[in-house]
Amino acid sequence: MFDTLNDPQRLHAVMTHLPLGAAAIGLLLALAVAVTGGRVRGLRWAAAMVYLLAMAACFVTVATGERAADAMTDAGVLLAGPVHDTLHDHEELAEKAWMFFGATGLFLLLMELKVLRVAGLVLALLLALGTAGWTAWVGHLGGELVYRYGVGVPATAYNKPATGTAAQTSPSTQPVLEDGP
């Protein structure tokens, strides 16, 4: 179990579940806040705390992703073409996810001011939907990297590319650089 903490790819895979789970739970809580018209203070605070804690988790998740990418670079793995582009998009979007979580949490907290309750509720709900969509897309791109291209997956006899492909490999990491059927 503790080997996961020493493997950058595994650690990143574990950490990605924090923002993904928080986006789903936060959206459900934001919907519950909307259904109650924002009148239940404890519910507003619970939703806000989920988003603010998830904002912090985003920084940790991005840091583990950078560590995983560095480990592949250090191992001599070269990512090219659509793999490189997908990784670039995944990184760029992930680095901005904290802003969505933070803004959603902030608008939920602003609902404490009665004068901002309706506007805060509308904006928080829209941001909660946007946060869930943004986070899902980042996760989708990460899934593409792992399940379509094999990035960060330990090499086995089953996932090694054919001889003569553009991949430069290490014993522990073997990306697949070709699109599927």
Protein backbone atom coordinates (compact mmCIF):
# COMPACT_ATOMS: atom_id res chain seq x y z
CA MET A 1 0.00 0.00 0.00
CA PHE A 2 2.73 2.47 0.90
CA ASP A 3 4.48 1.74 -2.39
CA THR A 4 1.83 3.96 -3.97
CA LEU A 5 3.29 6.93 -2.13
CA ASN A 6 6.65 6.32 -3.82
CA ASP A 7 5.28 5.85 -7.34
CA PRO A 8 4.46 9.25 -8.89
CA GLN A 9 1.98 7.85 -11.41
CA ARG A 10 0.06 5.86 -8.81
CA LEU A 11 0.05 8.72 -6.34
CA HIS A 12 -1.33 11.07 -8.97
CA ALA A 13 -4.00 8.52 -9.88
CA VAL A 14 -5.06 8.36 -6.23
CA MET A 15 -5.03 12.13 -5.73
CA THR A 16 -7.17 12.83 -8.81
CA HIS A 17 -10.12 11.31 -7.01
CA LEU A 18 -10.23 14.18 -4.51
CA PRO A 19 -11.24 16.97 -6.93
CA LEU A 20 -13.40 14.59 -8.97
CA GLY A 21 -15.30 13.39 -5.92
CA ALA A 22 -15.55 16.89 -4.49
CA ALA A 23 -16.98 18.22 -7.77
CA ALA A 24 -19.72 15.58 -7.67
CA ILE A 25 -20.49 15.96 -3.96
CA GLY A 26 -20.26 19.73 -4.19
CA LEU A 27 -22.70 19.82 -7.10
CA LEU A 28 -25.20 17.73 -5.13
CA LEU A 29 -24.82 20.05 -2.14
CA ALA A 30 -25.17 23.15 -4.34
CA LEU A 31 -28.35 21.69 -5.81
CA ALA A 32 -29.63 21.05 -2.28
CA VAL A 33 -28.81 24.67 -1.39
CA ALA A 34 -30.79 25.78 -4.45
CA VAL A 35 -33.76 23.55 -3.58
CA THR A 36 -33.88 25.07 -0.07
CA GLY A 37 -33.57 28.56 -1.53
CA GLY A 38 -30.29 29.02 0.32
CA ARG A 39 -32.10 29.32 3.66
CA VAL A 40 -30.31 26.43 5.42
CA ARG A 41 -27.10 27.91 6.77
CA GLY A 42 -25.44 24.59 7.62
CA LEU A 43 -26.03 23.31 4.11
CA ARG A 44 -24.51 26.46 2.59
CA TRP A 45 -21.46 26.14 4.81
CA ALA A 46 -21.07 22.42 4.11
CA ALA A 47 -21.17 23.06 0.36
CA ALA A 48 -18.73 25.97 0.66
CA MET A 49 -16.29 23.90 2.71
CA VAL A 50 -16.37 21.05 0.17
CA TYR A 51 -15.43 23.51 -2.57
CA LEU A 52 -12.75 25.28 -0.55
CA LEU A 53 -11.16 22.02 0.59
CA ALA A 54 -11.29 20.78 -3.01
CA MET A 55 -9.51 23.96 -4.06
CA ALA A 56 -6.64 22.99 -1.77
CA ALA A 57 -6.76 19.42 -3.12
CA CYS A 58 -6.34 20.81 -6.64
CA PHE A 59 -2.93 22.21 -5.74
CA VAL A 60 -1.83 18.86 -4.33
CA THR A 61 -3.22 16.98 -7.32
CA VAL A 62 -1.46 19.27 -9.80
CA ALA A 63 1.79 18.88 -7.86
CA THR A 64 1.51 15.08 -8.02
CA GLY A 65 0.78 15.32 -11.75
CA GLU A 66 3.88 17.43 -12.30
CA ARG A 67 5.89 14.92 -10.30
CA ALA A 68 4.49 12.06 -12.42
CA ALA A 69 5.37 13.92 -15.64
CA ASP A 70 8.88 14.67 -14.34
CA ALA A 71 9.39 11.00 -13.47
CA MET A 72 8.55 10.00 -17.04
CA THR A 73 10.89 12.65 -18.44
CA ASP A 74 13.65 11.53 -16.07
CA ALA A 75 13.11 7.95 -17.26
CA GLY A 76 13.64 9.04 -20.86
CA VAL A 77 10.02 8.71 -22.00
CA LEU A 78 9.30 10.86 -25.05
CA LEU A 79 5.67 11.78 -25.67
CA ALA A 80 4.87 13.01 -29.17
CA GLY A 81 1.92 13.90 -31.36
CA PRO A 82 -1.56 13.45 -29.92
CA VAL A 83 -0.16 12.06 -26.66
CA HIS A 84 1.86 15.21 -26.06
CA ASP A 85 -1.09 17.42 -27.04
CA THR A 86 -3.47 15.57 -24.72
CA LEU A 87 -1.00 15.81 -21.84
CA HIS A 88 -0.54 19.52 -22.48
CA ASP A 89 -4.32 20.13 -22.47
CA HIS A 90 -4.74 17.99 -19.33
CA GLU A 91 -2.05 19.99 -17.51
CA GLU A 92 -3.29 23.40 -18.62
CA LEU A 93 -6.89 22.72 -17.62
CA ALA A 94 -5.93 21.06 -14.33
CA GLU A 95 -3.84 24.08 -13.34
CA LYS A 96 -6.96 26.26 -13.59
CA ALA A 97 -9.42 23.97 -11.79
CA TRP A 98 -8.71 25.52 -8.38
CA MET A 99 -10.24 28.79 -9.61
CA PHE A 100 -13.58 27.11 -10.28
CA PHE A 101 -13.64 25.43 -6.89
CA GLY A 102 -12.60 28.63 -5.12
CA ALA A 103 -15.12 30.84 -6.91
CA THR A 104 -17.95 28.40 -6.19
CA GLY A 105 -17.01 28.27 -2.51
CA LEU A 106 -16.75 32.05 -2.37
CA PHE A 107 -20.22 32.62 -3.82
CA LEU A 108 -21.67 30.07 -1.43
CA LEU A 109 -20.09 32.00 1.43
CA LEU A 110 -21.35 35.33 0.05
CA MET A 111 -24.85 33.97 0.48
CA GLU A 112 -24.37 34.71 4.20
CA LEU A 113 -25.14 38.31 3.27
CA LYS A 114 -28.90 38.46 2.75
CA VAL A 115 -28.55 41.14 0.10
CA LEU A 116 -26.41 38.74 -1.99
CA ARG A 117 -28.35 35.54 -1.27
CA VAL A 118 -30.21 35.26 -4.59
CA ALA A 119 -27.33 36.44 -6.78
CA GLY A 120 -24.89 34.28 -4.81
CA LEU A 121 -27.18 31.28 -5.19
CA VAL A 122 -27.51 31.69 -8.96
CA LEU A 123 -23.79 32.26 -9.45
CA ALA A 124 -22.83 29.43 -7.08
CA LEU A 125 -25.13 27.02 -8.89
CA LEU A 126 -23.80 28.01 -12.32
CA LEU A 127 -20.23 27.73 -11.04
CA ALA A 128 -20.96 24.34 -9.45
CA LEU A 129 -22.16 23.08 -12.83
CA GLY A 130 -19.13 24.61 -14.54
CA THR A 131 -16.79 23.15 -11.94
CA ALA A 132 -18.25 19.67 -12.39
CA GLY A 133 -17.94 19.93 -16.17
CA TRP A 134 -14.41 21.34 -16.07
CA THR A 135 -13.25 18.70 -13.60
CA ALA A 136 -14.90 15.92 -15.60
CA TRP A 137 -13.12 17.10 -18.77
CA VAL A 138 -9.75 17.20 -16.99
CA GLY A 139 -10.44 13.67 -15.74
CA HIS A 140 -11.47 12.55 -19.20
CA LEU A 141 -8.18 13.81 -20.66
CA GLY A 142 -6.29 12.01 -17.89
CA GLY A 143 -8.23 8.86 -18.70
CA GLU A 144 -7.33 9.25 -22.37
CA LEU A 145 -3.67 9.45 -21.41
CA VAL A 146 -3.80 6.29 -19.32
CA TYR A 147 -6.38 4.10 -21.06
CA ARG A 148 -5.93 5.14 -24.67
CA TYR A 149 -2.21 5.93 -24.80
CA GLY A 150 -0.86 3.92 -21.85
CA VAL A 151 0.95 6.91 -20.31
CA GLY A 152 2.27 6.12 -16.84
CA VAL A 153 1.30 2.47 -17.04
CA PRO A 154 4.03 -0.01 -16.12
CA ALA A 155 5.33 -1.85 -19.17
CA THR A 156 4.32 -5.46 -19.53
CA ALA A 157 4.48 -7.97 -22.34
CA TYR A 158 0.93 -6.93 -23.20
CA ASN A 159 1.39 -3.20 -23.74
CA LYS A 160 4.80 -2.79 -25.37
CA PRO A 161 4.68 -1.14 -28.80
CA ALA A 162 6.00 -2.87 -31.86
CA THR A 163 9.69 -2.53 -32.60
CA GLY A 164 10.56 0.59 -34.54
CA THR A 165 7.86 2.89 -33.09
CA ALA A 166 8.67 6.41 -31.95
CA ALA A 167 8.54 5.51 -28.25
CA GLN A 168 11.61 5.86 -26.10
CA THR A 169 10.97 3.70 -23.08
CA SER A 170 12.13 3.00 -19.59
CA PRO A 171 11.68 -0.32 -17.78
CA SER A 172 8.78 1.10 -15.75
CA THR A 173 6.85 3.27 -18.19
CA GLN A 174 5.70 2.58 -21.71
CA PRO A 175 3.38 4.95 -23.55
CA VAL A 176 1.46 3.80 -26.57
CA LEU A 177 1.90 6.42 -29.27
CA GLU A 178 -0.59 5.22 -31.85
CA ASP A 179 -4.34 5.83 -32.04
CA GLY A 180 -6.55 2.83 -31.58
CA PRO A 181 -8.77 1.29 -34.28
